[in-house]
Amino acid sequence: MTDALFEIRGAAPLAVPTTVLGAWNLTPHKGISFGEGVIEPETPIWSVSLDPQSADENLQAANAQLRVTQAALQEATVRLNEFIETAARGRSYGIEDIENRGPELELQAMLIQMRGGTAADYGALDVIGLDWNGLVQRFQEFLAEVQRLLADPLVVETRNKGEDEVIAQTAVGWTGRSDTAIIEDAETELRAEHAKSLELALGQRTLLFKIAALAAEGAVRLAVVIAMPANAIWMMPGIYNFITRVMDEYFKIRERLQG
């Protein structure tokens, strides 16, 4: 989408495949011109810069990307449920089960290593070249940034591409209360575009929250069915890795099919 720019300004890098962010790019903060003043924001700003000639087309394309990401998360949810259901049936995993790389096999390796039993079991993650410390760090970074995005009000701004002045800016708190500032001479069409930008940002932020929630829920469920409830918190990085790996696979398969 070369005619529009979707940015999350001031957000730290997220340890997810870039496709998970859909149309959004992570960029540093910069001052916001609103009328005569310049605001230096402290919270992340979801900024949408639109070309007036193709604004509706660009917003539709961004929403299409969000729907694809939502479908990828649904695929990850289905596969995680299947993995947990298999574990609940009492299937015994061993180091010999790991024959090739893949999200399910990486999750198996995590379980094998946590259960231990033999020297080989304790090295299960090494067999497939998975860096556990790296997984933990990426999950912690992702969780910290998602918590920040959720703790702060959602601030969404809309402007014409190539212009510094903001046409409209809305802040939405967790109570659902919203405050909007908009230039006095904004046309009805511009107001509608800002409303669509706000809806798009809400959808993307909700999706990031759902990834974090699924990692937590999946870790608890898996820990319970394999009778290791105390290890739930340690399973979260592995579940998070599984979710993002499945989503990344989904994007790549879809891209190949579209040719």
C-alpha atoms as a PDB file:
ATOM      1  CA  MET A   1       0.000   0.000   0.000  1.00  0.00           C
ATOM      2  CA  THR A   2       2.244   2.777  -1.256  1.00  0.00           C
ATOM      3  CA  ASP A   3      -0.460   5.464  -1.033  1.00  0.00           C
ATOM      4  CA  ALA A   4      -0.893   5.282   2.744  1.00  0.00           C
ATOM      5  CA  LEU A   5       1.229   4.969   5.843  1.00  0.00           C
ATOM      6  CA  PHE A   6       0.149   3.141   8.998  1.00  0.00           C
ATOM      7  CA  GLU A   7       2.499   3.631  11.943  1.00  0.00           C
ATOM      8  CA  ILE A   8       2.654   2.819  15.640  1.00  0.00           C
ATOM      9  CA  ARG A   9       4.918   5.588  16.856  1.00  0.00           C
ATOM     10  CA  GLY A  10       6.825   5.101  20.066  1.00  0.00           C
ATOM     11  CA  ALA A  11       6.228   1.356  20.378  1.00  0.00           C
ATOM     12  CA  ALA A  12       9.209  -0.876  21.070  1.00  0.00           C
ATOM     13  CA  PRO A  13       9.991  -3.621  18.545  1.00  0.00           C
ATOM     14  CA  LEU A  14       7.595  -6.547  18.965  1.00  0.00           C
ATOM     15  CA  ALA A  15       8.985 -10.084  18.823  1.00  0.00           C
ATOM     16  CA  VAL A  16       6.454 -11.253  16.243  1.00  0.00           C
ATOM     17  CA  PRO A  17       6.648 -11.929  12.509  1.00  0.00           C
ATOM     18  CA  THR A  18       6.268  -8.532  10.817  1.00  0.00           C
ATOM     19  CA  THR A  19       3.183  -9.835   9.023  1.00  0.00           C
ATOM     20  CA  VAL A  20       1.404 -10.122  12.389  1.00  0.00           C
ATOM     21  CA  LEU A  21       1.296  -6.320  12.482  1.00  0.00           C
ATOM     22  CA  GLY A  22      -0.576  -6.217   9.178  1.00  0.00           C
ATOM     23  CA  ALA A  23      -0.357  -2.768   7.626  1.00  0.00           C
ATOM     24  CA  TRP A  24       1.282  -1.214  10.689  1.00  0.00           C
ATOM     25  CA  ASN A  25       4.947  -0.233  10.980  1.00  0.00           C
ATOM     26  CA  LEU A  26       6.795   0.532  14.226  1.00  0.00           C
ATOM     27  CA  THR A  27       8.543   3.919  14.188  1.00  0.00           C
ATOM     28  CA  PRO A  28      10.110   6.298  16.732  1.00  0.00           C
ATOM     29  CA  HIS A  29       8.084   9.137  18.187  1.00  0.00           C
ATOM     30  CA  LYS A  30       8.107  12.563  16.614  1.00  0.00           C
ATOM     31  CA  GLY A  31       6.303  15.750  17.499  1.00  0.00           C
ATOM     32  CA  ILE A  32       2.681  16.141  16.429  1.00  0.00           C
ATOM     33  CA  SER A  33       1.529  19.393  14.854  1.00  0.00           C
ATOM     34  CA  PHE A  34      -2.067  20.179  15.769  1.00  0.00           C
ATOM     35  CA  GLY A  35      -3.070  23.660  14.735  1.00  0.00           C
ATOM     36  CA  GLU A  36      -0.426  26.034  16.055  1.00  0.00           C
ATOM     37  CA  GLY A  37       1.163  23.751  18.646  1.00  0.00           C
ATOM     38  CA  VAL A  38       3.407  20.694  18.599  1.00  0.00           C
ATOM     39  CA  ILE A  39       2.716  17.830  21.024  1.00  0.00           C
ATOM     40  CA  GLU A  40       5.552  15.542  22.130  1.00  0.00           C
ATOM     41  CA  PRO A  41       3.640  12.349  23.037  1.00  0.00           C
ATOM     42  CA  GLU A  42       4.618   9.942  25.795  1.00  0.00           C
ATOM     43  CA  THR A  43       2.267   7.104  24.836  1.00  0.00           C
ATOM     44  CA  PRO A  44       2.355   5.165  21.557  1.00  0.00           C
ATOM     45  CA  ILE A  45       0.470   6.894  18.758  1.00  0.00           C
ATOM     46  CA  TRP A  46      -1.369   4.905  16.086  1.00  0.00           C
ATOM     47  CA  SER A  47      -0.924   7.212  13.117  1.00  0.00           C
ATOM     48  CA  VAL A  48      -2.636   6.895   9.735  1.00  0.00           C
ATOM     49  CA  SER A  49      -1.513   9.062   6.830  1.00  0.00           C
ATOM     50  CA  LEU A  50      -3.882   8.847   3.871  1.00  0.00           C
ATOM     51  CA  ASP A  51      -3.766   9.993   0.279  1.00  0.00           C
ATOM     52  CA  PRO A  52      -7.116  11.773  -0.258  1.00  0.00           C
ATOM     53  CA  GLN A  53      -7.383  10.215  -3.725  1.00  0.00           C
ATOM     54  CA  SER A  54      -7.152   6.629  -2.496  1.00  0.00           C
ATOM     55  CA  ALA A  55      -7.974   6.774   1.225  1.00  0.00           C
ATOM     56  CA  ASP A  56     -10.940   4.398   1.119  1.00  0.00           C
ATOM     57  CA  GLU A  57      -9.034   1.864  -0.978  1.00  0.00           C
ATOM     58  CA  ASN A  58      -6.066   2.003   1.407  1.00  0.00           C
ATOM     59  CA  LEU A  59      -8.240   1.510   4.485  1.00  0.00           C
ATOM     60  CA  GLN A  60      -9.999  -1.447   2.868  1.00  0.00           C
ATOM     61  CA  ALA A  61      -6.643  -3.028   2.044  1.00  0.00           C
ATOM     62  CA  ALA A  62      -5.411  -2.527   5.617  1.00  0.00           C
ATOM     63  CA  ASN A  63      -8.582  -4.141   6.960  1.00  0.00           C
ATOM     64  CA  ALA A  64      -8.054  -7.072   4.580  1.00  0.00           C
ATOM     65  CA  GLN A  65      -4.565  -7.556   6.051  1.00  0.00           C
ATOM     66  CA  LEU A  66      -6.033  -7.514   9.551  1.00  0.00           C
ATOM     67  CA  ARG A  67      -8.546 -10.208   8.588  1.00  0.00           C
ATOM     68  CA  VAL A  68      -5.726 -12.397   7.267  1.00  0.00           C
ATOM     69  CA  THR A  69      -3.853 -11.970  10.552  1.00  0.00           C
ATOM     70  CA  GLN A  70      -6.996 -12.862  12.484  1.00  0.00           C
ATOM     71  CA  ALA A  71      -7.340 -16.005  10.354  1.00  0.00           C
ATOM     72  CA  ALA A  72      -3.702 -16.896  11.075  1.00  0.00           C
ATOM     73  CA  LEU A  73      -4.329 -16.569  14.810  1.00  0.00           C
ATOM     74  CA  GLN A  74      -7.403 -18.774  14.470  1.00  0.00           C
ATOM     75  CA  GLU A  75      -5.239 -21.410  12.750  1.00  0.00           C
ATOM     76  CA  ALA A  76      -2.761 -21.224  15.629  1.00  0.00           C
ATOM     77  CA  THR A  77      -5.629 -21.604  18.115  1.00  0.00           C
ATOM     78  CA  VAL A  78      -6.946 -24.724  16.352  1.00  0.00           C
ATOM     79  CA  ARG A  79      -3.522 -26.372  16.186  1.00  0.00           C
ATOM     80  CA  LEU A  80      -2.757 -25.534  19.806  1.00  0.00           C
ATOM     81  CA  ASN A  81      -6.076 -27.068  20.880  1.00  0.00           C
ATOM     82  CA  GLU A  82      -5.245 -30.202  18.902  1.00  0.00           C
ATOM     83  CA  PHE A  83      -1.826 -30.444  20.532  1.00  0.00           C
ATOM     84  CA  ILE A  84      -3.292 -30.061  24.026  1.00  0.00           C
ATOM     85  CA  GLU A  85      -6.033 -32.616  23.298  1.00  0.00           C
ATOM     86  CA  THR A  86      -3.390 -35.105  22.128  1.00  0.00           C
ATOM     87  CA  ALA A  87      -1.427 -34.534  25.333  1.00  0.00           C
ATOM     88  CA  ALA A  88      -4.607 -34.970  27.390  1.00  0.00           C
ATOM     89  CA  ARG A  89      -5.119 -38.426  25.857  1.00  0.00           C
ATOM     90  CA  GLY A  90      -1.901 -39.467  27.541  1.00  0.00           C
ATOM     91  CA  ARG A  91       0.388 -39.742  24.561  1.00  0.00           C
ATOM     92  CA  SER A  92       3.961 -40.237  25.722  1.00  0.00           C
ATOM     93  CA  TYR A  93       6.575 -38.134  23.985  1.00  0.00           C
ATOM     94  CA  GLY A  94      10.188 -39.134  23.762  1.00  0.00           C
ATOM     95  CA  ILE A  95      13.307 -37.622  22.316  1.00  0.00           C
ATOM     96  CA  GLU A  96      13.015 -40.082  19.414  1.00  0.00           C
ATOM     97  CA  ASP A  97       9.754 -38.386  18.358  1.00  0.00           C
ATOM     98  CA  ILE A  98      11.642 -35.354  17.088  1.00  0.00           C
ATOM     99  CA  GLU A  99      12.305 -36.072  13.426  1.00  0.00           C
ATOM    100  CA  ASN A 100      12.135 -32.622  11.845  1.00  0.00           C
ATOM    101  CA  ARG A 101      11.474 -29.040  12.742  1.00  0.00           C
ATOM    102  CA  GLY A 102       7.998 -27.582  13.088  1.00  0.00           C
ATOM    103  CA  PRO A 103       5.852 -25.767  15.663  1.00  0.00           C
ATOM    104  CA  GLU A 104       4.394 -28.958  17.141  1.00  0.00           C
ATOM    105  CA  LEU A 105       7.767 -30.661  17.318  1.00  0.00           C
ATOM    106  CA  GLU A 106       9.328 -27.621  18.975  1.00  0.00           C
ATOM    107  CA  LEU A 107       6.568 -27.717  21.575  1.00  0.00           C
ATOM    108  CA  GLN A 108       7.190 -31.437  22.050  1.00  0.00           C
ATOM    109  CA  ALA A 109      10.856 -30.707  22.648  1.00  0.00           C
ATOM    110  CA  MET A 110       9.940 -28.202  25.353  1.00  0.00           C
ATOM    111  CA  LEU A 111       7.781 -30.822  27.130  1.00  0.00           C
ATOM    112  CA  ILE A 112      10.462 -33.477  26.828  1.00  0.00           C
ATOM    113  CA  GLN A 113      13.077 -31.194  28.323  1.00  0.00           C
ATOM    114  CA  MET A 114      10.800 -30.082  31.163  1.00  0.00           C
ATOM    115  CA  ARG A 115       9.936 -33.657  32.057  1.00  0.00           C
ATOM    116  CA  GLY A 116      13.550 -34.754  31.920  1.00  0.00           C
ATOM    117  CA  GLY A 117      14.335 -38.330  32.863  1.00  0.00           C
ATOM    118  CA  THR A 118      17.430 -38.950  30.758  1.00  0.00           C
ATOM    119  CA  ALA A 119      20.449 -36.905  29.754  1.00  0.00           C
ATOM    120  CA  ALA A 120      19.131 -36.890  26.183  1.00  0.00           C
ATOM    121  CA  ASP A 121      15.772 -35.528  27.334  1.00  0.00           C
ATOM    122  CA  TYR A 122      17.410 -32.574  29.037  1.00  0.00           C
ATOM    123  CA  GLY A 123      19.000 -31.656  25.702  1.00  0.00           C
ATOM    124  CA  ALA A 124      15.829 -31.953  23.604  1.00  0.00           C
ATOM    125  CA  LEU A 125      15.739 -28.289  22.625  1.00  0.00           C
ATOM    126  CA  ASP A 126      19.399 -28.425  21.602  1.00  0.00           C
ATOM    127  CA  VAL A 127      18.607 -31.307  19.235  1.00  0.00           C
ATOM    128  CA  ILE A 128      16.436 -29.044  17.101  1.00  0.00           C
ATOM    129  CA  GLY A 129      18.581 -25.942  17.635  1.00  0.00           C
ATOM    130  CA  LEU A 130      16.000 -24.009  19.645  1.00  0.00           C
ATOM    131  CA  ASP A 131      17.437 -21.323  21.926  1.00  0.00           C
ATOM    132  CA  TRP A 132      15.288 -21.412  25.070  1.00  0.00           C
ATOM    133  CA  ASN A 133      16.834 -18.283  26.578  1.00  0.00           C
ATOM    134  CA  GLY A 134      16.138 -16.464  23.335  1.00  0.00           C
ATOM    135  CA  LEU A 135      12.501 -17.627  23.403  1.00  0.00           C
ATOM    136  CA  VAL A 136      12.090 -16.384  26.963  1.00  0.00           C
ATOM    137  CA  GLN A 137      13.587 -13.006  26.120  1.00  0.00           C
ATOM    138  CA  ARG A 138      11.401 -12.531  23.032  1.00  0.00           C
ATOM    139  CA  PHE A 139       8.275 -13.434  24.967  1.00  0.00           C
ATOM    140  CA  GLN A 140       9.150 -11.108  27.833  1.00  0.00           C
ATOM    141  CA  GLU A 141       9.772  -8.246  25.399  1.00  0.00           C
ATOM    142  CA  PHE A 142       6.496  -8.932  23.591  1.00  0.00           C
ATOM    143  CA  LEU A 143       4.522  -9.147  26.835  1.00  0.00           C
ATOM    144  CA  ALA A 144       6.036  -5.956  28.221  1.00  0.00           C
ATOM    145  CA  GLU A 145       5.173  -3.980  25.087  1.00  0.00           C
ATOM    146  CA  VAL A 146       1.658  -5.413  24.840  1.00  0.00           C
ATOM    147  CA  GLN A 147       1.090  -4.492  28.481  1.00  0.00           C
ATOM    148  CA  ARG A 148       2.243  -0.970  27.673  1.00  0.00           C
ATOM    149  CA  LEU A 149      -0.023  -0.729  24.631  1.00  0.00           C
ATOM    150  CA  LEU A 150      -2.953  -1.917  26.751  1.00  0.00           C
ATOM    151  CA  ALA A 151      -2.194   0.191  29.822  1.00  0.00           C
ATOM    152  CA  ASP A 152      -2.007   3.478  27.923  1.00  0.00           C
ATOM    153  CA  PRO A 153      -5.033   4.994  26.229  1.00  0.00           C
ATOM    154  CA  LEU A 154      -5.323   4.071  22.575  1.00  0.00           C
ATOM    155  CA  VAL A 155      -4.402   7.259  20.712  1.00  0.00           C
ATOM    156  CA  VAL A 156      -5.207   7.292  16.993  1.00  0.00           C
ATOM    157  CA  GLU A 157      -4.486  10.165  14.648  1.00  0.00           C
ATOM    158  CA  THR A 158      -5.378  10.715  11.006  1.00  0.00           C
ATOM    159  CA  ARG A 159      -3.681  13.114   8.626  1.00  0.00           C
ATOM    160  CA  ASN A 160      -3.237  13.640   4.923  1.00  0.00           C
ATOM    161  CA  LYS A 161      -0.142  11.946   3.589  1.00  0.00           C
ATOM    162  CA  GLY A 162       2.830  14.304   3.375  1.00  0.00           C
ATOM    163  CA  GLU A 163       1.302  16.827   5.784  1.00  0.00           C
ATOM    164  CA  ASP A 164       2.293  17.375   9.420  1.00  0.00           C
ATOM    165  CA  GLU A 165      -1.014  18.750  10.658  1.00  0.00           C
ATOM    166  CA  VAL A 166      -3.317  16.204  12.272  1.00  0.00           C
ATOM    167  CA  ILE A 167      -6.877  16.178  10.926  1.00  0.00           C
ATOM    168  CA  ALA A 168      -8.301  14.236  13.858  1.00  0.00           C
ATOM    169  CA  GLN A 169      -7.056  12.522  16.991  1.00  0.00           C
ATOM    170  CA  THR A 170      -8.978  10.218  19.320  1.00  0.00           C
ATOM    171  CA  ALA A 171      -7.953   8.815  22.708  1.00  0.00           C
ATOM    172  CA  VAL A 172      -9.840   5.747  23.955  1.00  0.00           C
ATOM    173  CA  GLY A 173      -9.554   4.561  27.557  1.00  0.00           C
ATOM    174  CA  TRP A 174     -10.276   1.061  28.863  1.00  0.00           C
ATOM    175  CA  THR A 175     -13.627   2.238  30.200  1.00  0.00           C
ATOM    176  CA  GLY A 176     -14.657   2.846  26.600  1.00  0.00           C
ATOM    177  CA  ARG A 177     -14.724   6.599  27.019  1.00  0.00           C
ATOM    178  CA  SER A 178     -13.251   8.411  24.037  1.00  0.00           C
ATOM    179  CA  ASP A 179     -12.201  11.989  23.423  1.00  0.00           C
ATOM    180  CA  THR A 180     -11.781  13.298  19.882  1.00  0.00           C
ATOM    181  CA  ALA A 181     -10.177  16.480  18.625  1.00  0.00           C
ATOM    182  CA  ILE A 182     -10.796  17.359  14.980  1.00  0.00           C
ATOM    183  CA  ILE A 183     -10.058  20.419  12.857  1.00  0.00           C
ATOM    184  CA  GLU A 184     -13.092  22.639  12.471  1.00  0.00           C
ATOM    185  CA  ASP A 185     -13.297  22.563   8.686  1.00  0.00           C
ATOM    186  CA  ALA A 186     -12.879  18.784   8.345  1.00  0.00           C
ATOM    187  CA  GLU A 187     -15.217  17.390   5.712  1.00  0.00           C
ATOM    188  CA  THR A 188     -17.639  14.569   6.456  1.00  0.00           C
ATOM    189  CA  GLU A 189     -15.526  12.220   4.366  1.00  0.00           C
ATOM    190  CA  LEU A 190     -12.434  12.962   6.464  1.00  0.00           C
ATOM    191  CA  ARG A 191     -14.372  12.309   9.665  1.00  0.00           C
ATOM    192  CA  ALA A 192     -15.493   8.950   8.280  1.00  0.00           C
ATOM    193  CA  GLU A 193     -11.916   8.058   7.352  1.00  0.00           C
ATOM    194  CA  HIS A 194     -10.771   8.831  10.884  1.00  0.00           C
ATOM    195  CA  ALA A 195     -13.516   6.594  12.288  1.00  0.00           C
ATOM    196  CA  LYS A 196     -12.289   3.750  10.054  1.00  0.00           C
ATOM    197  CA  SER A 197      -8.688   4.383  11.133  1.00  0.00           C
ATOM    198  CA  LEU A 198      -9.786   4.148  14.761  1.00  0.00           C
ATOM    199  CA  GLU A 199     -11.614   0.876  14.125  1.00  0.00           C
ATOM    200  CA  LEU A 200      -8.544  -0.547  12.371  1.00  0.00           C
ATOM    201  CA  ALA A 201      -6.224   0.384  15.265  1.00  0.00           C
ATOM    202  CA  LEU A 202      -8.620  -1.112  17.812  1.00  0.00           C
ATOM    203  CA  GLY A 203      -8.739  -4.347  15.825  1.00  0.00           C
ATOM    204  CA  GLN A 204      -4.953  -4.600  15.594  1.00  0.00           C
ATOM    205  CA  ARG A 205      -4.393  -3.875  19.278  1.00  0.00           C
ATOM    206  CA  THR A 206      -7.058  -6.426  20.234  1.00  0.00           C
ATOM    207  CA  LEU A 207      -5.302  -9.030  18.096  1.00  0.00           C
ATOM    208  CA  LEU A 208      -1.990  -8.469  19.931  1.00  0.00           C
ATOM    209  CA  PHE A 209      -3.820  -8.860  23.229  1.00  0.00           C
ATOM    210  CA  LYS A 210      -5.392 -12.116  22.006  1.00  0.00           C
ATOM    211  CA  ILE A 211      -1.950 -13.524  21.146  1.00  0.00           C
ATOM    212  CA  ALA A 212      -0.742 -12.808  24.691  1.00  0.00           C
ATOM    213  CA  ALA A 213      -3.953 -14.197  26.206  1.00  0.00           C
ATOM    214  CA  LEU A 214      -3.747 -17.382  24.120  1.00  0.00           C
ATOM    215  CA  ALA A 215      -0.140 -17.931  25.226  1.00  0.00           C
ATOM    216  CA  ALA A 216      -1.195 -17.668  28.885  1.00  0.00           C
ATOM    217  CA  GLU A 217      -4.342 -19.785  28.509  1.00  0.00           C
ATOM    218  CA  GLY A 218      -2.560 -22.428  26.442  1.00  0.00           C
ATOM    219  CA  ALA A 219       0.275 -22.712  28.948  1.00  0.00           C
ATOM    220  CA  VAL A 220      -2.119 -23.257  31.854  1.00  0.00           C
ATOM    221  CA  ARG A 221      -4.205 -25.825  29.973  1.00  0.00           C
ATOM    222  CA  LEU A 222      -1.178 -27.769  28.757  1.00  0.00           C
ATOM    223  CA  ALA A 223       0.472 -27.728  32.188  1.00  0.00           C
ATOM    224  CA  VAL A 224      -2.702 -29.127  33.763  1.00  0.00           C
ATOM    225  CA  VAL A 225      -3.266 -31.967  31.269  1.00  0.00           C
ATOM    226  CA  ILE A 226       0.324 -33.204  31.601  1.00  0.00           C
ATOM    227  CA  ALA A 227       0.143 -32.925  35.419  1.00  0.00           C
ATOM    228  CA  MET A 228       2.780 -30.195  35.682  1.00  0.00           C
ATOM    229  CA  PRO A 229       0.651 -27.196  36.789  1.00  0.00           C
ATOM    230  CA  ALA A 230       3.558 -25.543  38.578  1.00  0.00           C
ATOM    231  CA  ASN A 231       5.374 -25.219  35.238  1.00  0.00           C
ATOM    232  CA  ALA A 232       2.637 -23.217  33.496  1.00  0.00           C
ATOM    233  CA  ILE A 233       4.533 -19.948  33.692  1.00  0.00           C
ATOM    234  CA  TRP A 234       7.624 -21.596  32.191  1.00  0.00           C
ATOM    235  CA  MET A 235       5.566 -22.965  29.312  1.00  0.00           C
ATOM    236  CA  MET A 236       4.340 -19.552  28.195  1.00  0.00           C
ATOM    237  CA  PRO A 237       7.419 -18.694  26.053  1.00  0.00           C
ATOM    238  CA  GLY A 238       7.133 -22.069  24.302  1.00  0.00           C
ATOM    239  CA  ILE A 239       3.413 -21.607  23.644  1.00  0.00           C
ATOM    240  CA  TYR A 240       4.072 -18.079  22.396  1.00  0.00           C
ATOM    241  CA  ASN A 241       6.735 -19.429  20.046  1.00  0.00           C
ATOM    242  CA  PHE A 242       4.252 -22.035  18.800  1.00  0.00           C
ATOM    243  CA  ILE A 243       1.583 -19.394  18.105  1.00  0.00           C
ATOM    244  CA  THR A 244       3.886 -17.073  16.173  1.00  0.00           C
ATOM    245  CA  ARG A 245       5.471 -19.972  14.257  1.00  0.00           C
ATOM    246  CA  VAL A 246       2.064 -21.268  13.136  1.00  0.00           C
ATOM    247  CA  MET A 247       0.993 -17.761  12.144  1.00  0.00           C
ATOM    248  CA  ASP A 248       4.190 -17.272  10.166  1.00  0.00           C
ATOM    249  CA  GLU A 249       3.592 -20.614   8.398  1.00  0.00           C
ATOM    250  CA  TYR A 250       0.048 -19.520   7.569  1.00  0.00           C
ATOM    251  CA  PHE A 251       1.276 -16.286   5.986  1.00  0.00           C
ATOM    252  CA  LYS A 252       3.942 -18.067   3.922  1.00  0.00           C
ATOM    253  CA  ILE A 253       1.559 -20.769   2.666  1.00  0.00           C
ATOM    254  CA  ARG A 254      -1.011 -18.136   1.735  1.00  0.00           C
ATOM    255  CA  GLU A 255       1.637 -16.136  -0.111  1.00  0.00           C
ATOM    256  CA  ARG A 256       2.746 -19.211  -2.081  1.00  0.00           C
ATOM    257  CA  LEU A 257      -0.826 -20.091  -2.995  1.00  0.00           C
ATOM    258  CA  GLN A 258      -1.428 -16.578  -4.274  1.00  0.00           C
ATOM    259  CA  GLY A 259       1.720 -16.947  -6.349  1.00  0.00           C
END
